[in-house]
Amino acid sequence: MVKKVRYQNRIELLQGTLDMLIMRTLQWGPQHGYGISRAIRTGSDDALTVETGSLYPALHRMEKQGWVAAEWKLSENRQRAKFYRLTAAGRKHLVNEQSRWDEFVKAVSGVMKPAREQP
């Protein structure tokens, strides 16, 4: 029953926000896919869950864009895993995306909580 309630409280990601969340997670250092997914889930207090069917296509797309680079390493469990890191181009893109996100939040907040209510 608890699991069902937790799924009901999850939030659908807006298009484009997954890339920003991945880059934000990688800003703290290289990470494998499971670690990225776990960081997003933990950081959102379980409100956001990234499925592998969304995560890995996003990582591959970001790798093609030059925003992340990947290399095979051993994980903390001594298993071979692909670790992703943010590139200089990725850091620059993240700054731009953060700015656009801030503008989006401000615009939506202006509509949802106007300074004074319309008659």
PDB file of N, CA and C in Angstrom:
ATOM      1  N   MET A   1       0.831  -1.202   0.000  1.00  0.00           N
ATOM      2  CA  MET A   1       0.000   0.000   0.000  1.00  0.00           C
ATOM      3  C   MET A   1       0.867   1.254   0.000  1.00  0.00           C
ATOM      4  N   VAL A   2       1.941   1.238   0.771  1.00  0.00           N
ATOM      5  CA  VAL A   2       2.824   2.394   0.836  1.00  0.00           C
ATOM      6  C   VAL A   2       3.430   2.660  -0.539  1.00  0.00           C
ATOM      7  N   LYS A   3       3.806   1.583  -1.236  1.00  0.00           N
ATOM      8  CA  LYS A   3       4.400   1.733  -2.552  1.00  0.00           C
ATOM      9  C   LYS A   3       3.440   2.427  -3.517  1.00  0.00           C
ATOM     10  N   LYS A   4       2.146   2.059  -3.468  1.00  0.00           N
ATOM     11  CA  LYS A   4       1.167   2.674  -4.354  1.00  0.00           C
ATOM     12  C   LYS A   4       1.055   4.167  -4.091  1.00  0.00           C
ATOM     13  N   VAL A   5       1.069   4.573  -2.833  1.00  0.00           N
ATOM     14  CA  VAL A   5       0.986   5.985  -2.478  1.00  0.00           C
ATOM     15  C   VAL A   5       2.223   6.717  -2.981  1.00  0.00           C
ATOM     16  N   ARG A   6       3.396   6.081  -2.873  1.00  0.00           N
ATOM     17  CA  ARG A   6       4.625   6.716  -3.320  1.00  0.00           C
ATOM     18  C   ARG A   6       4.576   6.956  -4.822  1.00  0.00           C
ATOM     19  N   TYR A   7       4.044   5.994  -5.609  1.00  0.00           N
ATOM     20  CA  TYR A   7       3.930   6.189  -7.054  1.00  0.00           C
ATOM     21  C   TYR A   7       2.980   7.327  -7.373  1.00  0.00           C
ATOM     22  N   GLN A   8       1.901   7.475  -6.599  1.00  0.00           N
ATOM     23  CA  GLN A   8       0.937   8.539  -6.845  1.00  0.00           C
ATOM     24  C   GLN A   8       1.551   9.919  -6.638  1.00  0.00           C
ATOM     25  N   ASN A   9       2.559   9.995  -5.757  1.00  0.00           N
ATOM     26  CA  ASN A   9       3.175  11.280  -5.460  1.00  0.00           C
ATOM     27  C   ASN A   9       4.326  11.629  -6.404  1.00  0.00           C
ATOM     28  N   ARG A  10       4.661  10.736  -7.300  1.00  0.00           N
ATOM     29  CA  ARG A  10       5.759  11.011  -8.218  1.00  0.00           C
ATOM     30  C   ARG A  10       5.330  12.049  -9.243  1.00  0.00           C
ATOM     31  N   ILE A  11       6.308  12.776  -9.704  1.00  0.00           N
ATOM     32  CA  ILE A  11       6.071  13.879 -10.628  1.00  0.00           C
ATOM     33  C   ILE A  11       6.636  13.513 -11.989  1.00  0.00           C
ATOM     34  N   GLU A  12       5.861  13.749 -13.024  1.00  0.00           N
ATOM     35  CA  GLU A  12       6.347  13.545 -14.385  1.00  0.00           C
ATOM     36  C   GLU A  12       7.340  14.664 -14.710  1.00  0.00           C
ATOM     37  N   LEU A  13       8.458  14.293 -15.302  1.00  0.00           N
ATOM     38  CA  LEU A  13       9.459  15.290 -15.669  1.00  0.00           C
ATOM     39  C   LEU A  13       9.014  16.041 -16.918  1.00  0.00           C
ATOM     40  N   LEU A  14       9.229  17.353 -16.933  1.00  0.00           N
ATOM     41  CA  LEU A  14       8.974  18.145 -18.121  1.00  0.00           C
ATOM     42  C   LEU A  14      10.036  17.809 -19.155  1.00  0.00           C
ATOM     43  N   GLN A  15       9.675  17.935 -20.410  1.00  0.00           N
ATOM     44  CA  GLN A  15      10.624  17.648 -21.470  1.00  0.00           C
ATOM     45  C   GLN A  15      11.855  18.544 -21.317  1.00  0.00           C
ATOM     46  N   GLY A  16      13.014  17.934 -21.374  1.00  0.00           N
ATOM     47  CA  GLY A  16      14.262  18.681 -21.259  1.00  0.00           C
ATOM     48  C   GLY A  16      14.816  18.757 -19.855  1.00  0.00           C
ATOM     49  N   THR A  17      13.994  18.509 -18.861  1.00  0.00           N
ATOM     50  CA  THR A  17      14.495  18.613 -17.489  1.00  0.00           C
ATOM     51  C   THR A  17      15.379  17.437 -17.105  1.00  0.00           C
ATOM     52  N   LEU A  18      15.183  16.273 -17.729  1.00  0.00           N
ATOM     53  CA  LEU A  18      16.018  15.122 -17.396  1.00  0.00           C
ATOM     54  C   LEU A  18      17.487  15.417 -17.697  1.00  0.00           C
ATOM     55  N   ASP A  19      17.773  16.009 -18.852  1.00  0.00           N
ATOM     56  CA  ASP A  19      19.158  16.345 -19.189  1.00  0.00           C
ATOM     57  C   ASP A  19      19.752  17.266 -18.127  1.00  0.00           C
ATOM     58  N   MET A  20      18.986  18.268 -17.716  1.00  0.00           N
ATOM     59  CA  MET A  20      19.481  19.212 -16.722  1.00  0.00           C
ATOM     60  C   MET A  20      19.754  18.508 -15.391  1.00  0.00           C
ATOM     61  N   LEU A  21      18.866  17.607 -14.986  1.00  0.00           N
ATOM     62  CA  LEU A  21      19.062  16.894 -13.719  1.00  0.00           C
ATOM     63  C   LEU A  21      20.279  15.974 -13.786  1.00  0.00           C
ATOM     64  N   ILE A  22      20.470  15.319 -14.921  1.00  0.00           N
ATOM     65  CA  ILE A  22      21.648  14.461 -15.092  1.00  0.00           C
ATOM     66  C   ILE A  22      22.926  15.295 -15.011  1.00  0.00           C
ATOM     67  N   MET A  23      22.945  16.413 -15.722  1.00  0.00           N
ATOM     68  CA  MET A  23      24.145  17.259 -15.708  1.00  0.00           C
ATOM     69  C   MET A  23      24.400  17.817 -14.315  1.00  0.00           C
ATOM     70  N   ARG A  24      23.354  18.169 -13.618  1.00  0.00           N
ATOM     71  CA  ARG A  24      23.512  18.678 -12.243  1.00  0.00           C
ATOM     72  C   ARG A  24      24.117  17.599 -11.346  1.00  0.00           C
ATOM     73  N   THR A  25      23.668  16.373 -11.514  1.00  0.00           N
ATOM     74  CA  THR A  25      24.205  15.260 -10.730  1.00  0.00           C
ATOM     75  C   THR A  25      25.682  15.040 -11.054  1.00  0.00           C
ATOM     76  N   LEU A  26      26.035  15.127 -12.335  1.00  0.00           N
ATOM     77  CA  LEU A  26      27.419  14.905 -12.749  1.00  0.00           C
ATOM     78  C   LEU A  26      28.326  16.078 -12.391  1.00  0.00           C
ATOM     79  N   GLN A  27      27.739  17.205 -12.036  1.00  0.00           N
ATOM     80  CA  GLN A  27      28.545  18.359 -11.632  1.00  0.00           C
ATOM     81  C   GLN A  27      29.359  18.028 -10.376  1.00  0.00           C
ATOM     82  N   TRP A  28      28.889  17.077  -9.588  1.00  0.00           N
ATOM     83  CA  TRP A  28      29.578  16.717  -8.337  1.00  0.00           C
ATOM     84  C   TRP A  28      30.638  15.647  -8.552  1.00  0.00           C
ATOM     85  N   GLY A  29      30.749  15.127  -9.804  1.00  0.00           N
ATOM     86  CA  GLY A  29      31.780  14.146 -10.103  1.00  0.00           C
ATOM     87  C   GLY A  29      31.239  13.023 -10.966  1.00  0.00           C
ATOM     88  N   PRO A  30      32.154  12.205 -11.533  1.00  0.00           N
ATOM     89  CA  PRO A  30      31.734  11.102 -12.399  1.00  0.00           C
ATOM     90  C   PRO A  30      30.828  10.119 -11.669  1.00  0.00           C
ATOM     91  N   GLN A  31      29.901   9.554 -12.435  1.00  0.00           N
ATOM     92  CA  GLN A  31      28.933   8.626 -11.823  1.00  0.00           C
ATOM     93  C   GLN A  31      28.434   7.642 -12.877  1.00  0.00           C
ATOM     94  N   HIS A  32      28.124   6.430 -12.455  1.00  0.00           N
ATOM     95  CA  HIS A  32      27.513   5.461 -13.367  1.00  0.00           C
ATOM     96  C   HIS A  32      25.999   5.682 -13.378  1.00  0.00           C
ATOM     97  N   GLY A  33      25.316   5.020 -14.336  1.00  0.00           N
ATOM     98  CA  GLY A  33      23.887   5.249 -14.530  1.00  0.00           C
ATOM     99  C   GLY A  33      23.056   5.035 -13.278  1.00  0.00           C
ATOM    100  N   TYR A  34      23.329   3.927 -12.574  1.00  0.00           N
ATOM    101  CA  TYR A  34      22.548   3.664 -11.367  1.00  0.00           C
ATOM    102  C   TYR A  34      22.766   4.767 -10.330  1.00  0.00           C
ATOM    103  N   GLY A  35      24.003   5.229 -10.217  1.00  0.00           N
ATOM    104  CA  GLY A  35      24.306   6.296  -9.259  1.00  0.00           C
ATOM    105  C   GLY A  35      23.595   7.596  -9.618  1.00  0.00           C
ATOM    106  N   ILE A  36      23.526   7.893 -10.915  1.00  0.00           N
ATOM    107  CA  ILE A  36      22.819   9.104 -11.362  1.00  0.00           C
ATOM    108  C   ILE A  36      21.336   8.995 -10.994  1.00  0.00           C
ATOM    109  N   SER A  37      20.753   7.852 -11.319  1.00  0.00           N
ATOM    110  CA  SER A  37      19.334   7.629 -11.033  1.00  0.00           C
ATOM    111  C   SER A  37      19.055   7.729  -9.532  1.00  0.00           C
ATOM    112  N   ARG A  38      19.930   7.126  -8.741  1.00  0.00           N
ATOM    113  CA  ARG A  38      19.762   7.148  -7.276  1.00  0.00           C
ATOM    114  C   ARG A  38      19.893   8.567  -6.735  1.00  0.00           C
ATOM    115  N   ALA A  39      20.843   9.340  -7.269  1.00  0.00           N
ATOM    116  CA  ALA A  39      21.042  10.719  -6.795  1.00  0.00           C
ATOM    117  C   ALA A  39      19.818  11.588  -7.092  1.00  0.00           C
ATOM    118  N   ILE A  40      19.223  11.409  -8.274  1.00  0.00           N
ATOM    119  CA  ILE A  40      18.025  12.183  -8.626  1.00  0.00           C
ATOM    120  C   ILE A  40      16.870  11.776  -7.722  1.00  0.00           C
ATOM    121  N   ARG A  41      16.729  10.497  -7.508  1.00  0.00           N
ATOM    122  CA  ARG A  41      15.639  10.013  -6.647  1.00  0.00           C
ATOM    123  C   ARG A  41      15.810  10.494  -5.203  1.00  0.00           C
ATOM    124  N   THR A  42      17.013  10.346  -4.679  1.00  0.00           N
ATOM    125  CA  THR A  42      17.272  10.761  -3.296  1.00  0.00           C
ATOM    126  C   THR A  42      17.154  12.274  -3.157  1.00  0.00           C
ATOM    127  N   GLY A  43      17.723  13.007  -4.130  1.00  0.00           N
ATOM    128  CA  GLY A  43      17.684  14.468  -4.069  1.00  0.00           C
ATOM    129  C   GLY A  43      16.286  15.043  -4.153  1.00  0.00           C
ATOM    130  N   SER A  44      15.371  14.275  -4.755  1.00  0.00           N
ATOM    131  CA  SER A  44      13.987  14.749  -4.878  1.00  0.00           C
ATOM    132  C   SER A  44      13.091  14.140  -3.810  1.00  0.00           C
ATOM    133  N   ASP A  45      13.686  13.496  -2.828  1.00  0.00           N
ATOM    134  CA  ASP A  45      12.929  12.859  -1.748  1.00  0.00           C
ATOM    135  C   ASP A  45      11.933  11.852  -2.334  1.00  0.00           C
ATOM    136  N   ASP A  46      12.405  11.049  -3.300  1.00  0.00           N
ATOM    137  CA  ASP A  46      11.634   9.986  -3.964  1.00  0.00           C
ATOM    138  C   ASP A  46      10.505  10.500  -4.858  1.00  0.00           C
ATOM    139  N   ALA A  47      10.435  11.799  -5.100  1.00  0.00           N
ATOM    140  CA  ALA A  47       9.373  12.325  -5.969  1.00  0.00           C
ATOM    141  C   ALA A  47       9.686  12.084  -7.444  1.00  0.00           C
ATOM    142  N   LEU A  48      10.985  12.051  -7.799  1.00  0.00           N
ATOM    143  CA  LEU A  48      11.388  11.857  -9.182  1.00  0.00           C
ATOM    144  C   LEU A  48      12.110  10.524  -9.315  1.00  0.00           C
ATOM    145  N   THR A  49      11.653   9.704 -10.221  1.00  0.00           N
ATOM    146  CA  THR A  49      12.298   8.433 -10.514  1.00  0.00           C
ATOM    147  C   THR A  49      12.615   8.388 -12.002  1.00  0.00           C
ATOM    148  N   VAL A  50      13.851   8.067 -12.312  1.00  0.00           N
ATOM    149  CA  VAL A  50      14.272   7.999 -13.705  1.00  0.00           C
ATOM    150  C   VAL A  50      14.425   6.529 -14.073  1.00  0.00           C
ATOM    151  N   GLU A  51      13.627   6.090 -15.020  1.00  0.00           N
ATOM    152  CA  GLU A  51      13.691   4.706 -15.480  1.00  0.00           C
ATOM    153  C   GLU A  51      14.872   4.555 -16.438  1.00  0.00           C
ATOM    154  N   THR A  52      15.425   3.338 -16.493  1.00  0.00           N
ATOM    155  CA  THR A  52      16.569   3.097 -17.367  1.00  0.00           C
ATOM    156  C   THR A  52      16.216   3.356 -18.834  1.00  0.00           C
ATOM    157  N   GLY A  53      14.963   3.123 -19.204  1.00  0.00           N
ATOM    158  CA  GLY A  53      14.529   3.377 -20.574  1.00  0.00           C
ATOM    159  C   GLY A  53      14.574   4.848 -20.952  1.00  0.00           C
ATOM    160  N   SER A  54      14.635   5.729 -19.973  1.00  0.00           N
ATOM    161  CA  SER A  54      14.771   7.167 -20.225  1.00  0.00           C
ATOM    162  C   SER A  54      16.200   7.639 -19.975  1.00  0.00           C
ATOM    163  N   LEU A  55      16.833   7.058 -18.945  1.00  0.00           N
ATOM    164  CA  LEU A  55      18.162   7.517 -18.536  1.00  0.00           C
ATOM    165  C   LEU A  55      19.221   7.267 -19.607  1.00  0.00           C
ATOM    166  N   TYR A  56      19.336   6.019 -20.064  1.00  0.00           N
ATOM    167  CA  TYR A  56      20.442   5.701 -20.981  1.00  0.00           C
ATOM    168  C   TYR A  56      20.298   6.354 -22.351  1.00  0.00           C
ATOM    169  N   PRO A  57      19.100   6.449 -22.923  1.00  0.00           N
ATOM    170  CA  PRO A  57      18.995   7.222 -24.173  1.00  0.00           C
ATOM    171  C   PRO A  57      19.401   8.682 -23.970  1.00  0.00           C
ATOM    172  N   ALA A  58      19.050   9.255 -22.816  1.00  0.00           N
ATOM    173  CA  ALA A  58      19.438  10.644 -22.524  1.00  0.00           C
ATOM    174  C   ALA A  58      20.958  10.756 -22.413  1.00  0.00           C
ATOM    175  N   LEU A  59      21.583   9.806 -21.727  1.00  0.00           N
ATOM    176  CA  LEU A  59      23.046   9.840 -21.592  1.00  0.00           C
ATOM    177  C   LEU A  59      23.722   9.692 -22.961  1.00  0.00           C
ATOM    178  N   HIS A  60      23.215   8.802 -23.792  1.00  0.00           N
ATOM    179  CA  HIS A  60      23.794   8.635 -25.133  1.00  0.00           C
ATOM    180  C   HIS A  60      23.621   9.894 -25.967  1.00  0.00           C
ATOM    181  N   ARG A  61      22.448  10.505 -25.876  1.00  0.00           N
ATOM    182  CA  ARG A  61      22.194  11.754 -26.610  1.00  0.00           C
ATOM    183  C   ARG A  61      23.137  12.866 -26.124  1.00  0.00           C
ATOM    184  N   MET A  62      23.334  12.939 -24.801  1.00  0.00           N
ATOM    185  CA  MET A  62      24.199  13.971 -24.237  1.00  0.00           C
ATOM    186  C   MET A  62      25.668  13.716 -24.583  1.00  0.00           C
ATOM    187  N   GLU A  63      26.019  12.437 -24.710  1.00  0.00           N
ATOM    188  CA  GLU A  63      27.384  12.085 -25.105  1.00  0.00           C
ATOM    189  C   GLU A  63      27.626  12.536 -26.555  1.00  0.00           C
ATOM    190  N   LYS A  64      26.633  12.329 -27.415  1.00  0.00           N
ATOM    191  CA  LYS A  64      26.757  12.757 -28.818  1.00  0.00           C
ATOM    192  C   LYS A  64      26.864  14.272 -28.921  1.00  0.00           C
ATOM    193  N   GLN A  65      26.185  14.987 -28.027  1.00  0.00           N
ATOM    194  CA  GLN A  65      26.222  16.453 -28.016  1.00  0.00           C
ATOM    195  C   GLN A  65      27.549  16.971 -27.466  1.00  0.00           C
ATOM    196  N   GLY A  66      28.328  16.092 -26.821  1.00  0.00           N
ATOM    197  CA  GLY A  66      29.591  16.504 -26.226  1.00  0.00           C
ATOM    198  C   GLY A  66      29.438  17.082 -24.833  1.00  0.00           C
ATOM    199  N   TRP A  67      28.271  16.899 -24.223  1.00  0.00           N
ATOM    200  CA  TRP A  67      28.038  17.435 -22.881  1.00  0.00           C
ATOM    201  C   TRP A  67      28.545  16.500 -21.797  1.00  0.00           C
ATOM    202  N   VAL A  68      28.595  15.208 -22.078  1.00  0.00           N
ATOM    203  CA  VAL A  68      29.163  14.236 -21.136  1.00  0.00           C
ATOM    204  C   VAL A  68      30.138  13.341 -21.895  1.00  0.00           C
ATOM    205  N   ALA A  69      31.084  12.784 -21.161  1.00  0.00           N
ATOM    206  CA  ALA A  69      32.021  11.795 -21.694  1.00  0.00           C
ATOM    207  C   ALA A  69      31.906  10.567 -20.807  1.00  0.00           C
ATOM    208  N   ALA A  70      32.213   9.399 -21.374  1.00  0.00           N
ATOM    209  CA  ALA A  70      32.059   8.168 -20.603  1.00  0.00           C
ATOM    210  C   ALA A  70      33.292   7.285 -20.723  1.00  0.00           C
ATOM    211  N   GLU A  71      33.544   6.521 -19.677  1.00  0.00           N
ATOM    212  CA  GLU A  71      34.609   5.519 -19.706  1.00  0.00           C
ATOM    213  C   GLU A  71      34.241   4.378 -18.756  1.00  0.00           C
ATOM    214  N   TRP A  72      34.724   3.192 -19.095  1.00  0.00           N
ATOM    215  CA  TRP A  72      34.448   2.015 -18.273  1.00  0.00           C
ATOM    216  C   TRP A  72      35.397   1.979 -17.083  1.00  0.00           C
ATOM    217  N   LYS A  73      34.844   1.709 -15.891  1.00  0.00           N
ATOM    218  CA  LYS A  73      35.617   1.597 -14.658  1.00  0.00           C
ATOM    219  C   LYS A  73      34.954   0.545 -13.779  1.00  0.00           C
ATOM    220  N   LEU A  74      35.594   0.264 -12.641  1.00  0.00           N
ATOM    221  CA  LEU A  74      34.976  -0.619 -11.657  1.00  0.00           C
ATOM    222  C   LEU A  74      34.164   0.207 -10.682  1.00  0.00           C
ATOM    223  N   SER A  75      32.965  -0.258 -10.380  1.00  0.00           N
ATOM    224  CA  SER A  75      32.105   0.447  -9.420  1.00  0.00           C
ATOM    225  C   SER A  75      32.540   0.126  -8.000  1.00  0.00           C
ATOM    226  N   GLU A  76      31.855   0.738  -7.044  1.00  0.00           N
ATOM    227  CA  GLU A  76      32.143   0.486  -5.622  1.00  0.00           C
ATOM    228  C   GLU A  76      31.916  -0.984  -5.256  1.00  0.00           C
ATOM    229  N   ASN A  77      31.121  -1.689  -6.062  1.00  0.00           N
ATOM    230  CA  ASN A  77      30.861  -3.126  -5.846  1.00  0.00           C
ATOM    231  C   ASN A  77      31.793  -4.003  -6.678  1.00  0.00           C
ATOM    232  N   ARG A  78      32.856  -3.394  -7.212  1.00  0.00           N
ATOM    233  CA  ARG A  78      33.843  -4.104  -8.026  1.00  0.00           C
ATOM    234  C   ARG A  78      33.217  -4.692  -9.299  1.00  0.00           C
ATOM    235  N   GLN A  79      32.178  -4.048  -9.814  1.00  0.00           N
ATOM    236  CA  GLN A  79      31.570  -4.460 -11.070  1.00  0.00           C
ATOM    237  C   GLN A  79      31.919  -3.431 -12.138  1.00  0.00           C
ATOM    238  N   ARG A  80      32.079  -3.922 -13.351  1.00  0.00           N
ATOM    239  CA  ARG A  80      32.408  -3.035 -14.453  1.00  0.00           C
ATOM    240  C   ARG A  80      31.181  -2.184 -14.789  1.00  0.00           C
ATOM    241  N   ALA A  81      31.385  -0.877 -14.852  1.00  0.00           N
ATOM    242  CA  ALA A  81      30.274   0.038 -15.137  1.00  0.00           C
ATOM    243  C   ALA A  81      30.792   1.218 -15.955  1.00  0.00           C
ATOM    244  N   LYS A  82      29.920   1.787 -16.740  1.00  0.00           N
ATOM    245  CA  LYS A  82      30.277   2.957 -17.531  1.00  0.00           C
ATOM    246  C   LYS A  82      30.042   4.197 -16.680  1.00  0.00           C
ATOM    247  N   PHE A  83      31.109   4.954 -16.455  1.00  0.00           N
ATOM    248  CA  PHE A  83      31.024   6.177 -15.661  1.00  0.00           C
ATOM    249  C   PHE A  83      30.959   7.379 -16.594  1.00  0.00           C
ATOM    250  N   TYR A  84      30.049   8.279 -16.264  1.00  0.00           N
ATOM    251  CA  TYR A  84      29.854   9.488 -17.069  1.00  0.00           C
ATOM    252  C   TYR A  84      30.370  10.692 -16.288  1.00  0.00           C
ATOM    253  N   ARG A  85      30.968  11.620 -17.021  1.00  0.00           N
ATOM    254  CA  ARG A  85      31.426  12.869 -16.396  1.00  0.00           C
ATOM    255  C   ARG A  85      31.006  14.038 -17.269  1.00  0.00           C
ATOM    256  N   LEU A  86      30.870  15.180 -16.642  1.00  0.00           N
ATOM    257  CA  LEU A  86      30.470  16.395 -17.342  1.00  0.00           C
ATOM    258  C   LEU A  86      31.687  16.979 -18.059  1.00  0.00           C
ATOM    259  N   THR A  87      31.529  17.381 -19.305  1.00  0.00           N
ATOM    260  CA  THR A  87      32.611  18.024 -20.051  1.00  0.00           C
ATOM    261  C   THR A  87      32.525  19.537 -19.859  1.00  0.00           C
ATOM    262  N   ALA A  88      33.507  20.252 -20.379  1.00  0.00           N
ATOM    263  CA  ALA A  88      33.465  21.726 -20.310  1.00  0.00           C
ATOM    264  C   ALA A  88      32.234  22.252 -21.050  1.00  0.00           C
ATOM    265  N   ALA A  89      31.936  21.648 -22.211  1.00  0.00           N
ATOM    266  CA  ALA A  89      30.737  22.062 -22.959  1.00  0.00           C
ATOM    267  C   ALA A  89      29.473  21.750 -22.150  1.00  0.00           C
ATOM    268  N   GLY A  90      29.488  20.648 -21.422  1.00  0.00           N
ATOM    269  CA  GLY A  90      28.355  20.286 -20.576  1.00  0.00           C
ATOM    270  C   GLY A  90      28.166  21.269 -19.429  1.00  0.00           C
ATOM    271  N   ARG A  91      29.276  21.700 -18.842  1.00  0.00           N
ATOM    272  CA  ARG A  91      29.188  22.693 -17.745  1.00  0.00           C
ATOM    273  C   ARG A  91      28.585  24.008 -18.253  1.00  0.00           C
ATOM    274  N   LYS A  92      29.016  24.417 -19.443  1.00  0.00           N
ATOM    275  CA  LYS A  92      28.487  25.658 -20.033  1.00  0.00           C
ATOM    276  C   LYS A  92      26.992  25.487 -20.345  1.00  0.00           C
ATOM    277  N   HIS A  93      26.635  24.330 -20.886  1.00  0.00           N
ATOM    278  CA  HIS A  93      25.230  24.078 -21.206  1.00  0.00           C
ATOM    279  C   HIS A  93      24.378  24.050 -19.934  1.00  0.00           C
ATOM    280  N   LEU A  94      24.918  23.466 -18.871  1.00  0.00           N
ATOM    281  CA  LEU A  94      24.188  23.418 -17.601  1.00  0.00           C
ATOM    282  C   LEU A  94      23.913  24.822 -17.072  1.00  0.00           C
ATOM    283  N   VAL A  95      24.877  25.706 -17.171  1.00  0.00           N
ATOM    284  CA  VAL A  95      24.674  27.098 -16.714  1.00  0.00           C
ATOM    285  C   VAL A  95      23.527  27.735 -17.491  1.00  0.00           C
ATOM    286  N   ASN A  96      23.520  27.524 -18.820  1.00  0.00           N
ATOM    287  CA  ASN A  96      22.439  28.084 -19.650  1.00  0.00           C
ATOM    288  C   ASN A  96      21.090  27.468 -19.284  1.00  0.00           C
ATOM    289  N   GLU A  97      21.068  26.146 -19.101  1.00  0.00           N
ATOM    290  CA  GLU A  97      19.809  25.471 -18.753  1.00  0.00           C
ATOM    291  C   GLU A  97      19.302  25.909 -17.382  1.00  0.00           C
ATOM    292  N   GLN A  98      20.220  26.112 -16.444  1.00  0.00           N
ATOM    293  CA  GLN A  98      19.822  26.570 -15.101  1.00  0.00           C
ATOM    294  C   GLN A  98      19.168  27.948 -15.202  1.00  0.00           C
ATOM    295  N   SER A  99      19.743  28.816 -16.036  1.00  0.00           N
ATOM    296  CA  SER A  99      19.183  30.155 -16.222  1.00  0.00           C
ATOM    297  C   SER A  99      17.779  30.076 -16.830  1.00  0.00           C
ATOM    298  N   ARG A 100      17.633  29.237 -17.855  1.00  0.00           N
ATOM    299  CA  ARG A 100      16.314  29.071 -18.494  1.00  0.00           C
ATOM    300  C   ARG A 100      15.311  28.484 -17.510  1.00  0.00           C
ATOM    301  N   TRP A 101      15.764  27.531 -16.678  1.00  0.00           N
ATOM    302  CA  TRP A 101      14.886  26.927 -15.680  1.00  0.00           C
ATOM    303  C   TRP A 101      14.408  27.980 -14.680  1.00  0.00           C
ATOM    304  N   ASP A 102      15.335  28.835 -14.224  1.00  0.00           N
ATOM    305  CA  ASP A 102      14.973  29.887 -13.267  1.00  0.00           C
ATOM    306  C   ASP A 102      13.918  30.817 -13.864  1.00  0.00           C
ATOM    307  N   GLU A 103      14.070  31.157 -15.156  1.00  0.00           N
ATOM    308  CA  GLU A 103      13.089  32.016 -15.830  1.00  0.00           C
ATOM    309  C   GLU A 103      11.735  31.307 -15.917  1.00  0.00           C
ATOM    310  N   PHE A 104      11.757  30.007 -16.220  1.00  0.00           N
ATOM    311  CA  PHE A 104      10.524  29.227 -16.323  1.00  0.00           C
ATOM    312  C   PHE A 104       9.793  29.201 -14.979  1.00  0.00           C
ATOM    313  N   VAL A 105      10.532  28.915 -13.914  1.00  0.00           N
ATOM    314  CA  VAL A 105       9.927  28.859 -12.573  1.00  0.00           C
ATOM    315  C   VAL A 105       9.340  30.212 -12.193  1.00  0.00           C
ATOM    316  N   LYS A 106      10.054  31.287 -12.490  1.00  0.00           N
ATOM    317  CA  LYS A 106       9.574  32.637 -12.183  1.00  0.00           C
ATOM    318  C   LYS A 106       8.290  32.939 -12.962  1.00  0.00           C
ATOM    319  N   ALA A 107       8.267  32.560 -14.254  1.00  0.00           N
ATOM    320  CA  ALA A 107       7.085  32.826 -15.087  1.00  0.00           C
ATOM    321  C   ALA A 107       5.873  32.039 -14.586  1.00  0.00           C
ATOM    322  N   VAL A 108       6.073  30.767 -14.285  1.00  0.00           N
ATOM    323  CA  VAL A 108       4.953  29.949 -13.807  1.00  0.00           C
ATOM    324  C   VAL A 108       4.479  30.446 -12.444  1.00  0.00           C
ATOM    325  N   SER A 109       5.414  30.816 -11.592  1.00  0.00           N
ATOM    326  CA  SER A 109       5.034  31.335 -10.269  1.00  0.00           C
ATOM    327  C   SER A 109       4.241  32.621 -10.392  1.00  0.00           C
ATOM    328  N   GLY A 110       4.605  33.448 -11.377  1.00  0.00           N
ATOM    329  CA  GLY A 110       3.880  34.700 -11.594  1.00  0.00           C
ATOM    330  C   GLY A 110       2.434  34.470 -11.968  1.00  0.00           C
ATOM    331  N   VAL A 111       2.200  33.397 -12.705  1.00  0.00           N
ATOM    332  CA  VAL A 111       0.829  33.084 -13.104  1.00  0.00           C
ATOM    333  C   VAL A 111       0.067  32.414 -11.963  1.00  0.00           C
ATOM    334  N   MET A 112       0.730  31.473 -11.296  1.00  0.00           N
ATOM    335  CA  MET A 112       0.061  30.701 -10.244  1.00  0.00           C
ATOM    336  C   MET A 112      -0.135  31.494  -8.960  1.00  0.00           C
ATOM    337  N   LYS A 113       0.804  32.399  -8.671  1.00  0.00           N
ATOM    338  CA  LYS A 113       0.711  33.206  -7.451  1.00  0.00           C
ATOM    339  C   LYS A 113       0.946  34.666  -7.807  1.00  0.00           C
ATOM    340  N   PRO A 114      -0.023  35.285  -8.481  1.00  0.00           N
ATOM    341  CA  PRO A 114       0.166  36.689  -8.885  1.00  0.00           C
ATOM    342  C   PRO A 114       0.269  37.604  -7.676  1.00  0.00           C
ATOM    343  N   ALA A 115       0.976  38.733  -7.865  1.00  0.00           N
ATOM    344  CA  ALA A 115       1.149  39.702  -6.777  1.00  0.00           C
ATOM    345  C   ALA A 115      -0.205  40.180  -6.260  1.00  0.00           C
ATOM    346  N   ARG A 116      -1.122  40.382  -7.181  1.00  0.00           N
ATOM    347  CA  ARG A 116      -2.491  40.705  -6.767  1.00  0.00           C
ATOM    348  C   ARG A 116      -3.438  39.921  -7.667  1.00  0.00           C
ATOM    349  N   GLU A 117      -4.477  39.461  -7.119  1.00  0.00           N
ATOM    350  CA  GLU A 117      -5.438  38.631  -7.838  1.00  0.00           C
ATOM    351  C   GLU A 117      -6.206  39.465  -8.847  1.00  0.00           C
ATOM    352  N   GLN A 118      -6.506  38.876  -9.991  1.00  0.00           N
ATOM    353  CA  GLN A 118      -7.324  39.521 -11.012  1.00  0.00           C
ATOM    354  C   GLN A 118      -8.781  39.536 -10.539  1.00  0.00           C
ATOM    355  N   PRO A 119      -9.550  40.586 -10.895  1.00  0.00           N
ATOM    356  CA  PRO A 119     -10.965  40.616 -10.467  1.00  0.00           C
ATOM    357  C   PRO A 119     -11.798  39.563 -11.168  1.00  0.00           C
TER     358      PRO A 119
END
